[in-house]
Structure formats: C-alpha cells, structure tokens
Amino acid sequence: MAAHNELGKNGESLAANYMQSEGYVVRHRNWRCGHKELDIVAEKDGILIVVEVKTRKNTFFGQPEEAVTNGKIKRIVHSTDAYLRRYAIDLPVRFDLITIITDENGEPRLTHIENAFYPPLC
C-alpha cells in the first residue's frame, strides 16, 4: 500500500477510536456505494454524524480542513443522501470533520470540528 494511503487508513482508525471513546456508535467506516464514499458514519444522542477525516504528516501544503472544498462537500452530502435512503434512516444529520496532523515528535494531534459544514442549498 502506498505511504499516503497507509497514512489515511491510520488516520481513519484513530478517528474511529476517538469517536467510540467519546460515546459515539460507529455504524460504518469507509462506507461505499458505487463511487459514493463516506469515511465514518456514527450515531449519538439520536443524531447521525457523518465524519470526513483528513490526515496530514505536516502542514507544508496547508491545513487539512482546506482540502474540504465545495465540491467535496457536495459529494459527501450526495453520498449521505444515498446512505439515508439505503438504510431507511430518519434521523437528523450532522457533518463533522476530524483533522489529524503529526507533530514534530511524530505524535498525531487530532481535532474534532462538529458541524464543520452544512449541505449547500443548491
């Protein structure tokens, strides 16, 4: 596996473990349906939480949250709609972002941003 893929996979594992430690029930990791993909789908307090995970070795190319563009948001929302229909889920949905950056000591620093974005109106 390529190093960047391994980094992303490790980041998603850290994020899922963090979510569980905070009382979230992780329903799916890397959920796919055709070309649609969601990193983590969790539930807590009657809310479905869709989590995008961005992992970086450093911030040389910018902050991880900068990679969540309007196009990426539209794809996540479209994928979430497919997820809700597939499992007939009728819960409010929240979109979160977890960023993971490795510090100078090689330790991952995780930041959880709740309500990181809202679905676009069009």
PDB file of N, CA and C in Angstrom:
ATOM      1  N   MET A   1       0.848  -1.176   0.000  1.00  0.00           N
ATOM      2  CA  MET A   1       0.000   0.000   0.000  1.00  0.00           C
ATOM      3  C   MET A   1       0.895   1.241   0.000  1.00  0.00           C
ATOM      4  N   ALA A   2       0.506   2.238  -0.777  1.00  0.00           N
ATOM      5  CA  ALA A   2       1.285   3.481  -0.844  1.00  0.00           C
ATOM      6  C   ALA A   2       1.285   4.170   0.514  1.00  0.00           C
ATOM      7  N   ALA A   3       2.359   4.917   0.794  1.00  0.00           N
ATOM      8  CA  ALA A   3       2.511   5.562   2.105  1.00  0.00           C
ATOM      9  C   ALA A   3       1.365   6.507   2.420  1.00  0.00           C
ATOM     10  N   HIS A   4       0.897   7.275   1.425  1.00  0.00           N
ATOM     11  CA  HIS A   4      -0.199   8.208   1.692  1.00  0.00           C
ATOM     12  C   HIS A   4      -1.502   7.475   1.984  1.00  0.00           C
ATOM     13  N   ASN A   5      -1.704   6.313   1.352  1.00  0.00           N
ATOM     14  CA  ASN A   5      -2.895   5.508   1.656  1.00  0.00           C
ATOM     15  C   ASN A   5      -2.830   4.951   3.068  1.00  0.00           C
ATOM     16  N   GLU A   6      -1.631   4.515   3.465  1.00  0.00           N
ATOM     17  CA  GLU A   6      -1.441   3.983   4.822  1.00  0.00           C
ATOM     18  C   GLU A   6      -1.670   5.082   5.855  1.00  0.00           C
ATOM     19  N   LEU A   7      -1.182   6.286   5.566  1.00  0.00           N
ATOM     20  CA  LEU A   7      -1.391   7.420   6.468  1.00  0.00           C
ATOM     21  C   LEU A   7      -2.884   7.691   6.638  1.00  0.00           C
ATOM     22  N   GLY A   8      -3.625   7.717   5.543  1.00  0.00           N
ATOM     23  CA  GLY A   8      -5.057   7.956   5.602  1.00  0.00           C
ATOM     24  C   GLY A   8      -5.804   6.865   6.347  1.00  0.00           C
ATOM     25  N   LYS A   9      -5.421   5.622   6.103  1.00  0.00           N
ATOM     26  CA  LYS A   9      -6.051   4.481   6.790  1.00  0.00           C
ATOM     27  C   LYS A   9      -5.796   4.557   8.296  1.00  0.00           C
ATOM     28  N   ASN A  10      -4.564   4.877   8.676  1.00  0.00           N
ATOM     29  CA  ASN A  10      -4.240   5.010  10.104  1.00  0.00           C
ATOM     30  C   ASN A  10      -5.018   6.171  10.729  1.00  0.00           C
ATOM     31  N   GLY A  11      -5.128   7.273   9.990  1.00  0.00           N
ATOM     32  CA  GLY A  11      -5.891   8.417  10.481  1.00  0.00           C
ATOM     33  C   GLY A  11      -7.350   8.078  10.712  1.00  0.00           C
ATOM     34  N   GLU A  12      -7.941   7.338   9.789  1.00  0.00           N
ATOM     35  CA  GLU A  12      -9.337   6.947   9.950  1.00  0.00           C
ATOM     36  C   GLU A  12      -9.522   6.009  11.137  1.00  0.00           C
ATOM     37  N   SER A  13      -8.547   5.143  11.384  1.00  0.00           N
ATOM     38  CA  SER A  13      -8.618   4.272  12.565  1.00  0.00           C
ATOM     39  C   SER A  13      -8.533   5.089  13.850  1.00  0.00           C
ATOM     40  N   LEU A  14      -7.610   6.059  13.889  1.00  0.00           N
ATOM     41  CA  LEU A  14      -7.508   6.936  15.064  1.00  0.00           C
ATOM     42  C   LEU A  14      -8.819   7.689  15.286  1.00  0.00           C
ATOM     43  N   ALA A  15      -9.395   8.203  14.193  1.00  0.00           N
ATOM     44  CA  ALA A  15     -10.639   8.964  14.291  1.00  0.00           C
ATOM     45  C   ALA A  15     -11.786   8.085  14.794  1.00  0.00           C
ATOM     46  N   ALA A  16     -11.892   6.871  14.272  1.00  0.00           N
ATOM     47  CA  ALA A  16     -12.968   5.965  14.707  1.00  0.00           C
ATOM     48  C   ALA A  16     -12.792   5.598  16.181  1.00  0.00           C
ATOM     49  N   ASN A  17     -11.567   5.337  16.600  1.00  0.00           N
ATOM     50  CA  ASN A  17     -11.316   5.016  18.013  1.00  0.00           C
ATOM     51  C   ASN A  17     -11.663   6.204  18.905  1.00  0.00           C
ATOM     52  N   TYR A  18     -11.300   7.405  18.452  1.00  0.00           N
ATOM     53  CA  TYR A  18     -11.644   8.616  19.204  1.00  0.00           C
ATOM     54  C   TYR A  18     -13.170   8.744  19.332  1.00  0.00           C
ATOM     55  N   MET A  19     -13.875   8.568  18.227  1.00  0.00           N
ATOM     56  CA  MET A  19     -15.345   8.694  18.249  1.00  0.00           C
ATOM     57  C   MET A  19     -15.942   7.720  19.268  1.00  0.00           C
ATOM     58  N   GLN A  20     -15.485   6.482  19.237  1.00  0.00           N
ATOM     59  CA  GLN A  20     -16.005   5.484  20.178  1.00  0.00           C
ATOM     60  C   GLN A  20     -15.687   5.870  21.620  1.00  0.00           C
ATOM     61  N   SER A  21     -14.499   6.402  21.854  1.00  0.00           N
ATOM     62  CA  SER A  21     -14.120   6.792  23.215  1.00  0.00           C
ATOM     63  C   SER A  21     -14.962   7.971  23.721  1.00  0.00           C
ATOM     64  N   GLU A  22     -15.535   8.739  22.794  1.00  0.00           N
ATOM     65  CA  GLU A  22     -16.384   9.878  23.150  1.00  0.00           C
ATOM     66  C   GLU A  22     -17.862   9.500  23.207  1.00  0.00           C
ATOM     67  N   GLY A  23     -18.165   8.211  23.100  1.00  0.00           N
ATOM     68  CA  GLY A  23     -19.540   7.744  23.247  1.00  0.00           C
ATOM     69  C   GLY A  23     -20.336   7.646  21.961  1.00  0.00           C
ATOM     70  N   TYR A  24     -19.699   7.828  20.822  1.00  0.00           N
ATOM     71  CA  TYR A  24     -20.377   7.664  19.536  1.00  0.00           C
ATOM     72  C   TYR A  24     -20.425   6.176  19.190  1.00  0.00           C
ATOM     73  N   VAL A  25     -21.475   5.767  18.515  1.00  0.00           N
ATOM     74  CA  VAL A  25     -21.562   4.413  17.987  1.00  0.00           C
ATOM     75  C   VAL A  25     -21.194   4.506  16.511  1.00  0.00           C
ATOM     76  N   VAL A  26     -20.090   3.892  16.143  1.00  0.00           N
ATOM     77  CA  VAL A  26     -19.650   3.916  14.747  1.00  0.00           C
ATOM     78  C   VAL A  26     -20.453   2.863  13.990  1.00  0.00           C
ATOM     79  N   ARG A  27     -21.267   3.340  13.055  1.00  0.00           N
ATOM     80  CA  ARG A  27     -22.107   2.448  12.251  1.00  0.00           C
ATOM     81  C   ARG A  27     -21.339   1.875  11.066  1.00  0.00           C
ATOM     82  N   HIS A  28     -20.552   2.714  10.409  1.00  0.00           N
ATOM     83  CA  HIS A  28     -19.772   2.271   9.254  1.00  0.00           C
ATOM     84  C   HIS A  28     -18.475   3.066   9.156  1.00  0.00           C
ATOM     85  N   ARG A  29     -17.470   2.385   8.646  1.00  0.00           N
ATOM     86  CA  ARG A  29     -16.208   3.030   8.264  1.00  0.00           C
ATOM     87  C   ARG A  29     -16.000   2.756   6.790  1.00  0.00           C
ATOM     88  N   ASN A  30     -15.563   3.778   6.062  1.00  0.00           N
ATOM     89  CA  ASN A  30     -15.330   3.646   4.623  1.00  0.00           C
ATOM     90  C   ASN A  30     -16.521   3.037   3.897  1.00  0.00           C
ATOM     91  N   TRP A  31     -17.700   3.564   4.191  1.00  0.00           N
ATOM     92  CA  TRP A  31     -18.909   3.089   3.516  1.00  0.00           C
ATOM     93  C   TRP A  31     -18.859   3.493   2.049  1.00  0.00           C
ATOM     94  N   ARG A  32     -19.151   2.539   1.189  1.00  0.00           N
ATOM     95  CA  ARG A  32     -19.125   2.799  -0.251  1.00  0.00           C
ATOM     96  C   ARG A  32     -20.392   2.283  -0.915  1.00  0.00           C
ATOM     97  N   CYS A  33     -20.801   3.029  -1.933  1.00  0.00           N
ATOM     98  CA  CYS A  33     -21.918   2.626  -2.783  1.00  0.00           C
ATOM     99  C   CYS A  33     -21.601   3.179  -4.165  1.00  0.00           C
ATOM    100  N   GLY A  34     -21.076   2.338  -5.030  1.00  0.00           N
ATOM    101  CA  GLY A  34     -20.611   2.820  -6.331  1.00  0.00           C
ATOM    102  C   GLY A  34     -19.434   3.762  -6.116  1.00  0.00           C
ATOM    103  N   HIS A  35     -19.557   4.972  -6.640  1.00  0.00           N
ATOM    104  CA  HIS A  35     -18.491   5.967  -6.472  1.00  0.00           C
ATOM    105  C   HIS A  35     -18.689   6.824  -5.232  1.00  0.00           C
ATOM    106  N   LYS A  36     -19.752   6.571  -4.509  1.00  0.00           N
ATOM    107  CA  LYS A  36     -20.031   7.346  -3.294  1.00  0.00           C
ATOM    108  C   LYS A  36     -19.245   6.736  -2.128  1.00  0.00           C
ATOM    109  N   GLU A  37     -18.733   7.621  -1.244  1.00  0.00           N
ATOM    110  CA  GLU A  37     -17.923   7.129  -0.128  1.00  0.00           C
ATOM    111  C   GLU A  37     -18.056   8.070   1.059  1.00  0.00           C
ATOM    112  N   LEU A  38     -18.181   7.484   2.230  1.00  0.00           N
ATOM    113  CA  LEU A  38     -18.192   8.235   3.491  1.00  0.00           C
ATOM    114  C   LEU A  38     -17.129   7.629   4.404  1.00  0.00           C
ATOM    115  N   ASP A  39     -16.306   8.483   5.025  1.00  0.00           N
ATOM    116  CA  ASP A  39     -15.220   7.981   5.868  1.00  0.00           C
ATOM    117  C   ASP A  39     -15.755   7.277   7.111  1.00  0.00           C
ATOM    118  N   ILE A  40     -16.555   7.987   7.903  1.00  0.00           N
ATOM    119  CA  ILE A  40     -17.123   7.421   9.127  1.00  0.00           C
ATOM    120  C   ILE A  40     -18.579   7.877   9.233  1.00  0.00           C
ATOM    121  N   VAL A  41     -19.446   6.938   9.552  1.00  0.00           N
ATOM    122  CA  VAL A  41     -20.839   7.258   9.865  1.00  0.00           C
ATOM    123  C   VAL A  41     -21.065   6.772  11.288  1.00  0.00           C
ATOM    124  N   ALA A  42     -21.466   7.693  12.150  1.00  0.00           N
ATOM    125  CA  ALA A  42     -21.644   7.372  13.566  1.00  0.00           C
ATOM    126  C   ALA A  42     -23.004   7.880  14.027  1.00  0.00           C
ATOM    127  N   GLU A  43     -23.354   7.508  15.244  1.00  0.00           N
ATOM    128  CA  GLU A  43     -24.612   7.959  15.822  1.00  0.00           C
ATOM    129  C   GLU A  43     -24.392   8.267  17.300  1.00  0.00           C
ATOM    130  N   LYS A  44     -25.046   9.335  17.751  1.00  0.00           N
ATOM    131  CA  LYS A  44     -25.009   9.686  19.165  1.00  0.00           C
ATOM    132  C   LYS A  44     -26.196  10.585  19.461  1.00  0.00           C
ATOM    133  N   ASP A  45     -26.880  10.295  20.540  1.00  0.00           N
ATOM    134  CA  ASP A  45     -27.994  11.121  21.005  1.00  0.00           C
ATOM    135  C   ASP A  45     -29.052  11.343  19.923  1.00  0.00           C
ATOM    136  N   GLY A  46     -29.334  10.299  19.142  1.00  0.00           N
ATOM    137  CA  GLY A  46     -30.376  10.391  18.125  1.00  0.00           C
ATOM    138  C   GLY A  46     -29.990  11.220  16.912  1.00  0.00           C
ATOM    139  N   ILE A  47     -28.712  11.451  16.719  1.00  0.00           N
ATOM    140  CA  ILE A  47     -28.226  12.207  15.559  1.00  0.00           C
ATOM    141  C   ILE A  47     -27.263  11.327  14.776  1.00  0.00           C
ATOM    142  N   LEU A  48     -27.420  11.312  13.459  1.00  0.00           N
ATOM    143  CA  LEU A  48     -26.477  10.619  12.594  1.00  0.00           C
ATOM    144  C   LEU A  48     -25.358  11.596  12.271  1.00  0.00           C
ATOM    145  N   ILE A  49     -24.129  11.193  12.524  1.00  0.00           N
ATOM    146  CA  ILE A  49     -22.984  12.064  12.307  1.00  0.00           C
ATOM    147  C   ILE A  49     -22.134  11.469  11.190  1.00  0.00           C
ATOM    148  N   VAL A  50     -21.963  12.268  10.136  1.00  0.00           N
ATOM    149  CA  VAL A  50     -21.106  11.886   9.021  1.00  0.00           C
ATOM    150  C   VAL A  50     -19.791  12.621   9.213  1.00  0.00           C
ATOM    151  N   VAL A  51     -18.697  11.862   9.272  1.00  0.00           N
ATOM    152  CA  VAL A  51     -17.392  12.436   9.588  1.00  0.00           C
ATOM    153  C   VAL A  51     -16.452  12.288   8.402  1.00  0.00           C
ATOM    154  N   GLU A  52     -15.921  13.405   7.961  1.00  0.00           N
ATOM    155  CA  GLU A  52     -14.846  13.406   6.967  1.00  0.00           C
ATOM    156  C   GLU A  52     -13.535  13.472   7.745  1.00  0.00           C
ATOM    157  N   VAL A  53     -12.591  12.616   7.393  1.00  0.00           N
ATOM    158  CA  VAL A  53     -11.306  12.556   8.092  1.00  0.00           C
ATOM    159  C   VAL A  53     -10.209  13.009   7.137  1.00  0.00           C
ATOM    160  N   LYS A  54      -9.400  13.950   7.582  1.00  0.00           N
ATOM    161  CA  LYS A  54      -8.265  14.442   6.802  1.00  0.00           C
ATOM    162  C   LYS A  54      -7.006  14.301   7.642  1.00  0.00           C
ATOM    163  N   THR A  55      -6.048  13.527   7.140  1.00  0.00           N
ATOM    164  CA  THR A  55      -4.817  13.248   7.864  1.00  0.00           C
ATOM    165  C   THR A  55      -3.633  13.782   7.067  1.00  0.00           C
ATOM    166  N   ARG A  56      -2.725  14.455   7.758  1.00  0.00           N
ATOM    167  CA  ARG A  56      -1.541  15.016   7.118  1.00  0.00           C
ATOM    168  C   ARG A  56      -0.307  14.761   7.986  1.00  0.00           C
ATOM    169  N   LYS A  57       0.839  14.586   7.333  1.00  0.00           N
ATOM    170  CA  LYS A  57       2.103  14.456   8.059  1.00  0.00           C
ATOM    171  C   LYS A  57       2.547  15.800   8.606  1.00  0.00           C
ATOM    172  N   ASN A  58       2.207  16.865   7.894  1.00  0.00           N
ATOM    173  CA  ASN A  58       2.575  18.213   8.311  1.00  0.00           C
ATOM    174  C   ASN A  58       1.644  19.193   7.597  1.00  0.00           C
ATOM    175  N   THR A  59       1.879  20.480   7.808  1.00  0.00           N
ATOM    176  CA  THR A  59       1.016  21.485   7.175  1.00  0.00           C
ATOM    177  C   THR A  59       1.742  22.214   6.047  1.00  0.00           C
ATOM    178  N   PHE A  60       2.762  21.594   5.495  1.00  0.00           N
ATOM    179  CA  PHE A  60       3.534  22.209   4.415  1.00  0.00           C
ATOM    180  C   PHE A  60       2.636  22.637   3.248  1.00  0.00           C
ATOM    181  N   PHE A  61       1.645  21.820   2.926  1.00  0.00           N
ATOM    182  CA  PHE A  61       0.728  22.127   1.824  1.00  0.00           C
ATOM    183  C   PHE A  61      -0.593  22.710   2.317  1.00  0.00           C
ATOM    184  N   GLY A  62      -0.631  23.192   3.547  1.00  0.00           N
ATOM    185  CA  GLY A  62      -1.839  23.810   4.087  1.00  0.00           C
ATOM    186  C   GLY A  62      -2.480  22.956   5.167  1.00  0.00           C
ATOM    187  N   GLN A  63      -3.491  23.520   5.773  1.00  0.00           N
ATOM    188  CA  GLN A  63      -4.235  22.828   6.827  1.00  0.00           C
ATOM    189  C   GLN A  63      -5.119  21.741   6.210  1.00  0.00           C
ATOM    190  N   PRO A  64      -5.329  20.637   6.903  1.00  0.00           N
ATOM    191  CA  PRO A  64      -6.130  19.551   6.334  1.00  0.00           C
ATOM    192  C   PRO A  64      -7.555  19.984   5.979  1.00  0.00           C
ATOM    193  N   GLU A  65      -8.145  20.860   6.780  1.00  0.00           N
ATOM    194  CA  GLU A  65      -9.530  21.269   6.516  1.00  0.00           C
ATOM    195  C   GLU A  65      -9.665  22.046   5.202  1.00  0.00           C
ATOM    196  N   GLU A  66      -8.557  22.588   4.700  1.00  0.00           N
ATOM    197  CA  GLU A  66      -8.604  23.296   3.424  1.00  0.00           C
ATOM    198  C   GLU A  66      -8.883  22.355   2.261  1.00  0.00           C
ATOM    199  N   ALA A  67      -8.697  21.062   2.456  1.00  0.00           N
ATOM    200  CA  ALA A  67      -8.967  20.072   1.418  1.00  0.00           C
ATOM    201  C   ALA A  67     -10.453  19.762   1.287  1.00  0.00           C
ATOM    202  N   VAL A  68     -11.262  20.266   2.203  1.00  0.00           N
ATOM    203  CA  VAL A  68     -12.707  20.037   2.130  1.00  0.00           C
ATOM    204  C   VAL A  68     -13.309  21.207   1.348  1.00  0.00           C
ATOM    205  N   THR A  69     -13.318  21.048   0.040  1.00  0.00           N
ATOM    206  CA  THR A  69     -13.790  22.075  -0.879  1.00  0.00           C
ATOM    207  C   THR A  69     -15.310  21.989  -1.040  1.00  0.00           C
ATOM    208  N   ASN A  70     -15.875  22.956  -1.726  1.00  0.00           N
ATOM    209  CA  ASN A  70     -17.318  22.924  -2.001  1.00  0.00           C
ATOM    210  C   ASN A  70     -17.698  21.676  -2.789  1.00  0.00           C
ATOM    211  N   GLY A  71     -16.857  21.290  -3.739  1.00  0.00           N
ATOM    212  CA  GLY A  71     -17.123  20.065  -4.498  1.00  0.00           C
ATOM    213  C   GLY A  71     -17.118  18.837  -3.612  1.00  0.00           C
ATOM    214  N   LYS A  72     -16.164  18.762  -2.680  1.00  0.00           N
ATOM    215  CA  LYS A  72     -16.088  17.635  -1.746  1.00  0.00           C
ATOM    216  C   LYS A  72     -17.325  17.612  -0.854  1.00  0.00           C
ATOM    217  N   ILE A  73     -17.755  18.784  -0.400  1.00  0.00           N
ATOM    218  CA  ILE A  73     -18.952  18.865   0.441  1.00  0.00           C
ATOM    219  C   ILE A  73     -20.163  18.343  -0.321  1.00  0.00           C
ATOM    220  N   LYS A  74     -20.311  18.730  -1.572  1.00  0.00           N
ATOM    221  CA  LYS A  74     -21.445  18.251  -2.378  1.00  0.00           C
ATOM    222  C   LYS A  74     -21.406  16.732  -2.523  1.00  0.00           C
ATOM    223  N   ARG A  75     -20.208  16.164  -2.731  1.00  0.00           N
ATOM    224  CA  ARG A  75     -20.100  14.698  -2.846  1.00  0.00           C
ATOM    225  C   ARG A  75     -20.460  14.011  -1.536  1.00  0.00           C
ATOM    226  N   ILE A  76     -20.028  14.581  -0.419  1.00  0.00           N
ATOM    227  CA  ILE A  76     -20.353  13.996   0.885  1.00  0.00           C
ATOM    228  C   ILE A  76     -21.857  14.043   1.124  1.00  0.00           C
ATOM    229  N   VAL A  77     -22.473  15.164   0.824  1.00  0.00           N
ATOM    230  CA  VAL A  77     -23.915  15.308   1.019  1.00  0.00           C
ATOM    231  C   VAL A  77     -24.675  14.341   0.106  1.00  0.00           C
ATOM    232  N   HIS A  78     -24.245  14.218  -1.136  1.00  0.00           N
ATOM    233  CA  HIS A  78     -24.878  13.288  -2.071  1.00  0.00           C
ATOM    234  C   HIS A  78     -24.732  11.840  -1.569  1.00  0.00           C
ATOM    235  N   SER A  79     -23.550  11.504  -1.081  1.00  0.00           N
ATOM    236  CA  SER A  79     -23.319  10.158  -0.537  1.00  0.00           C
ATOM    237  C   SER A  79     -24.157   9.917   0.712  1.00  0.00           C
ATOM    238  N   THR A  80     -24.296  10.941   1.545  1.00  0.00           N
ATOM    239  CA  THR A  80     -25.116  10.821   2.755  1.00  0.00           C
ATOM    240  C   THR A  80     -26.565  10.566   2.394  1.00  0.00           C
ATOM    241  N   ASP A  81     -27.055  11.255   1.376  1.00  0.00           N
ATOM    242  CA  ASP A  81     -28.427  11.034   0.919  1.00  0.00           C
ATOM    243  C   ASP A  81     -28.619   9.580   0.492  1.00  0.00           C
ATOM    244  N   ALA A  82     -27.652   9.044  -0.242  1.00  0.00           N
ATOM    245  CA  ALA A  82     -27.727   7.637  -0.656  1.00  0.00           C
ATOM    246  C   ALA A  82     -27.706   6.708   0.559  1.00  0.00           C
ATOM    247  N   TYR A  83     -26.891   7.036   1.538  1.00  0.00           N
ATOM    248  CA  TYR A  83     -26.797   6.234   2.766  1.00  0.00           C
ATOM    249  C   TYR A  83     -28.140   6.231   3.504  1.00  0.00           C
ATOM    250  N   LEU A  84     -28.725   7.410   3.661  1.00  0.00           N
ATOM    251  CA  LEU A  84     -30.009   7.526   4.366  1.00  0.00           C
ATOM    252  C   LEU A  84     -31.094   6.723   3.665  1.00  0.00           C
ATOM    253  N   ARG A  85     -31.131   6.802   2.330  1.00  0.00           N
ATOM    254  CA  ARG A  85     -32.147   6.048   1.574  1.00  0.00           C
ATOM    255  C   ARG A  85     -31.894   4.545   1.653  1.00  0.00           C
ATOM    256  N   ARG A  86     -30.641   4.149   1.553  1.00  0.00           N
ATOM    257  CA  ARG A  86     -30.323   2.714   1.554  1.00  0.00           C
ATOM    258  C   ARG A  86     -30.733   2.034   2.863  1.00  0.00           C
ATOM    259  N   TYR A  87     -30.522   2.728   3.981  1.00  0.00           N
ATOM    260  CA  TYR A  87     -30.821   2.129   5.284  1.00  0.00           C
ATOM    261  C   TYR A  87     -32.112   2.666   5.898  1.00  0.00           C
ATOM    262  N   ALA A  88     -32.883   3.417   5.120  1.00  0.00           N
ATOM    263  CA  ALA A  88     -34.168   3.969   5.566  1.00  0.00           C
ATOM    264  C   ALA A  88     -34.036   4.657   6.928  1.00  0.00           C
ATOM    265  N   ILE A  89     -33.085   5.550   7.027  1.00  0.00           N
ATOM    266  CA  ILE A  89     -32.805   6.256   8.276  1.00  0.00           C
ATOM    267  C   ILE A  89     -33.534   7.589   8.277  1.00  0.00           C
ATOM    268  N   ASP A  90     -34.215   7.861   9.375  1.00  0.00           N
ATOM    269  CA  ASP A  90     -34.930   9.128   9.541  1.00  0.00           C
ATOM    270  C   ASP A  90     -34.436   9.799  10.823  1.00  0.00           C
ATOM    271  N   LEU A  91     -33.221  10.297  10.762  1.00  0.00           N
ATOM    272  CA  LEU A  91     -32.600  10.990  11.890  1.00  0.00           C
ATOM    273  C   LEU A  91     -32.038  12.317  11.390  1.00  0.00           C
ATOM    274  N   PRO A  92     -31.915  13.285  12.281  1.00  0.00           N
ATOM    275  CA  PRO A  92     -31.194  14.489  11.882  1.00  0.00           C
ATOM    276  C   PRO A  92     -29.735  14.134  11.591  1.00  0.00           C
ATOM    277  N   VAL A  93     -29.129  14.888  10.687  1.00  0.00           N
ATOM    278  CA  VAL A  93     -27.752  14.601  10.259  1.00  0.00           C
ATOM    279  C   VAL A  93     -26.864  15.794  10.586  1.00  0.00           C
ATOM    280  N   ARG A  94     -25.679  15.473  11.062  1.00  0.00           N
ATOM    281  CA  ARG A  94     -24.664  16.486  11.333  1.00  0.00           C
ATOM    282  C   ARG A  94     -23.400  16.086  10.564  1.00  0.00           C
ATOM    283  N   PHE A  95     -22.716  17.085  10.020  1.00  0.00           N
ATOM    284  CA  PHE A  95     -21.481  16.836   9.278  1.00  0.00           C
ATOM    285  C   PHE A  95     -20.300  17.362  10.086  1.00  0.00           C
ATOM    286  N   ASP A  96     -19.412  16.447  10.482  1.00  0.00           N
ATOM    287  CA  ASP A  96     -18.232  16.792  11.274  1.00  0.00           C
ATOM    288  C   ASP A  96     -16.974  16.564  10.448  1.00  0.00           C
ATOM    289  N   LEU A  97     -15.898  17.149  10.934  1.00  0.00           N
ATOM    290  CA  LEU A  97     -14.588  16.961  10.325  1.00  0.00           C
ATOM    291  C   LEU A  97     -13.604  16.622  11.428  1.00  0.00           C
ATOM    292  N   ILE A  98     -12.803  15.598  11.192  1.00  0.00           N
ATOM    293  CA  ILE A  98     -11.700  15.285  12.100  1.00  0.00           C
ATOM    294  C   ILE A  98     -10.413  15.451  11.316  1.00  0.00           C
ATOM    295  N   THR A  99      -9.534  16.314  11.844  1.00  0.00           N
ATOM    296  CA  THR A  99      -8.224  16.503  11.229  1.00  0.00           C
ATOM    297  C   THR A  99      -7.169  15.885  12.132  1.00  0.00           C
ATOM    298  N   ILE A 100      -6.189  15.291  11.494  1.00  0.00           N
ATOM    299  CA  ILE A 100      -5.080  14.684  12.230  1.00  0.00           C
ATOM    300  C   ILE A 100      -3.790  15.156  11.571  1.00  0.00           C
ATOM    301  N   ILE A 101      -2.942  15.784  12.379  1.00  0.00           N
ATOM    302  CA  ILE A 101      -1.643  16.253  11.908  1.00  0.00           C
ATOM    303  C   ILE A 101      -0.584  15.669  12.835  1.00  0.00           C
ATOM    304  N   THR A 102       0.468  15.138  12.257  1.00  0.00           N
ATOM    305  CA  THR A 102       1.563  14.597  13.050  1.00  0.00           C
ATOM    306  C   THR A 102       2.425  15.753  13.541  1.00  0.00           C
ATOM    307  N   ASP A 103       2.683  15.786  14.848  1.00  0.00           N
ATOM    308  CA  ASP A 103       3.515  16.864  15.393  1.00  0.00           C
ATOM    309  C   ASP A 103       4.997  16.550  15.179  1.00  0.00           C
ATOM    310  N   GLU A 104       5.857  17.462  15.626  1.00  0.00           N
ATOM    311  CA  GLU A 104       7.303  17.308  15.403  1.00  0.00           C
ATOM    312  C   GLU A 104       7.889  16.080  16.099  1.00  0.00           C
ATOM    313  N   ASN A 105       7.188  15.521  17.087  1.00  0.00           N
ATOM    314  CA  ASN A 105       7.638  14.314  17.772  1.00  0.00           C
ATOM    315  C   ASN A 105       7.074  13.044  17.145  1.00  0.00           C
ATOM    316  N   GLY A 106       6.317  13.203  16.050  1.00  0.00           N
ATOM    317  CA  GLY A 106       5.733  12.043  15.387  1.00  0.00           C
ATOM    318  C   GLY A 106       4.416  11.594  15.987  1.00  0.00           C
ATOM    319  N   GLU A 107       3.889  12.365  16.934  1.00  0.00           N
ATOM    320  CA  GLU A 107       2.623  12.013  17.576  1.00  0.00           C
ATOM    321  C   GLU A 107       1.457  12.669  16.828  1.00  0.00           C
ATOM    322  N   PRO A 108       0.384  11.930  16.618  1.00  0.00           N
ATOM    323  CA  PRO A 108      -0.764  12.528  15.926  1.00  0.00           C
ATOM    324  C   PRO A 108      -1.529  13.478  16.843  1.00  0.00           C
ATOM    325  N   ARG A 109      -1.939  14.611  16.284  1.00  0.00           N
ATOM    326  CA  ARG A 109      -2.756  15.590  17.008  1.00  0.00           C
ATOM    327  C   ARG A 109      -4.117  15.636  16.320  1.00  0.00           C
ATOM    328  N   LEU A 110      -5.143  15.222  17.033  1.00  0.00           N
ATOM    329  CA  LEU A 110      -6.487  15.100  16.476  1.00  0.00           C
ATOM    330  C   LEU A 110      -7.335  16.299  16.895  1.00  0.00           C
ATOM    331  N   THR A 111      -8.057  16.857  15.927  1.00  0.00           N
ATOM    332  CA  THR A 111      -9.001  17.935  16.194  1.00  0.00           C
ATOM    333  C   THR A 111     -10.354  17.534  15.629  1.00  0.00           C
ATOM    334  N   HIS A 112     -11.391  17.609  16.466  1.00  0.00           N
ATOM    335  CA  HIS A 112     -12.750  17.262  16.055  1.00  0.00           C
ATOM    336  C   HIS A 112     -13.546  18.554  15.905  1.00  0.00           C
ATOM    337  N   ILE A 113     -14.019  18.818  14.697  1.00  0.00           N
ATOM    338  CA  ILE A 113     -14.809  20.008  14.411  1.00  0.00           C
ATOM    339  C   ILE A 113     -16.249  19.561  14.168  1.00  0.00           C
ATOM    340  N   GLU A 114     -17.111  19.824  15.149  1.00  0.00           N
ATOM    341  CA  GLU A 114     -18.527  19.490  14.992  1.00  0.00           C
ATOM    342  C   GLU A 114     -19.193  20.531  14.102  1.00  0.00           C
ATOM    343  N   ASN A 115     -20.213  20.089  13.359  1.00  0.00           N
ATOM    344  CA  ASN A 115     -20.925  20.985  12.433  1.00  0.00           C
ATOM    345  C   ASN A 115     -19.936  21.728  11.539  1.00  0.00           C
ATOM    346  N   ALA A 116     -19.004  20.988  10.964  1.00  0.00           N
ATOM    347  CA  ALA A 116     -17.949  21.599  10.146  1.00  0.00           C
ATOM    348  C   ALA A 116     -18.508  22.276   8.896  1.00  0.00           C
ATOM    349  N   PHE A 117     -19.606  21.746   8.395  1.00  0.00           N
ATOM    350  CA  PHE A 117     -20.257  22.361   7.226  1.00  0.00           C
ATOM    351  C   PHE A 117     -21.718  21.942   7.199  1.00  0.00           C
ATOM    352  N   TYR A 118     -22.464  22.658   6.381  1.00  0.00           N
ATOM    353  CA  TYR A 118     -23.888  22.386   6.190  1.00  0.00           C
ATOM    354  C   TYR A 118     -24.113  22.073   4.723  1.00  0.00           C
ATOM    355  N   PRO A 119     -25.161  21.302   4.402  1.00  0.00           N
ATOM    356  CA  PRO A 119     -25.434  20.998   2.993  1.00  0.00           C
ATOM    357  C   PRO A 119     -25.699  22.300   2.214  1.00  0.00           C
ATOM    358  N   PRO A 120     -25.164  22.383   0.999  1.00  0.00           N
ATOM    359  CA  PRO A 120     -25.442  23.572   0.191  1.00  0.00           C
ATOM    360  C   PRO A 120     -26.922  23.627  -0.189  1.00  0.00           C
ATOM    361  N   LEU A 121     -27.417  24.813  -0.431  1.00  0.00           N
ATOM    362  CA  LEU A 121     -28.832  24.987  -0.768  1.00  0.00           C
ATOM    363  C   LEU A 121     -29.153  24.507  -2.173  1.00  0.00           C
ATOM    364  N   CYS A 122     -28.167  24.481  -3.056  1.00  0.00           N
ATOM    365  CA  CYS A 122     -28.455  24.011  -4.418  1.00  0.00           C
ATOM    366  C   CYS A 122     -27.428  23.027  -4.879  1.00  0.00           C
TER     367      CYS A 122
END
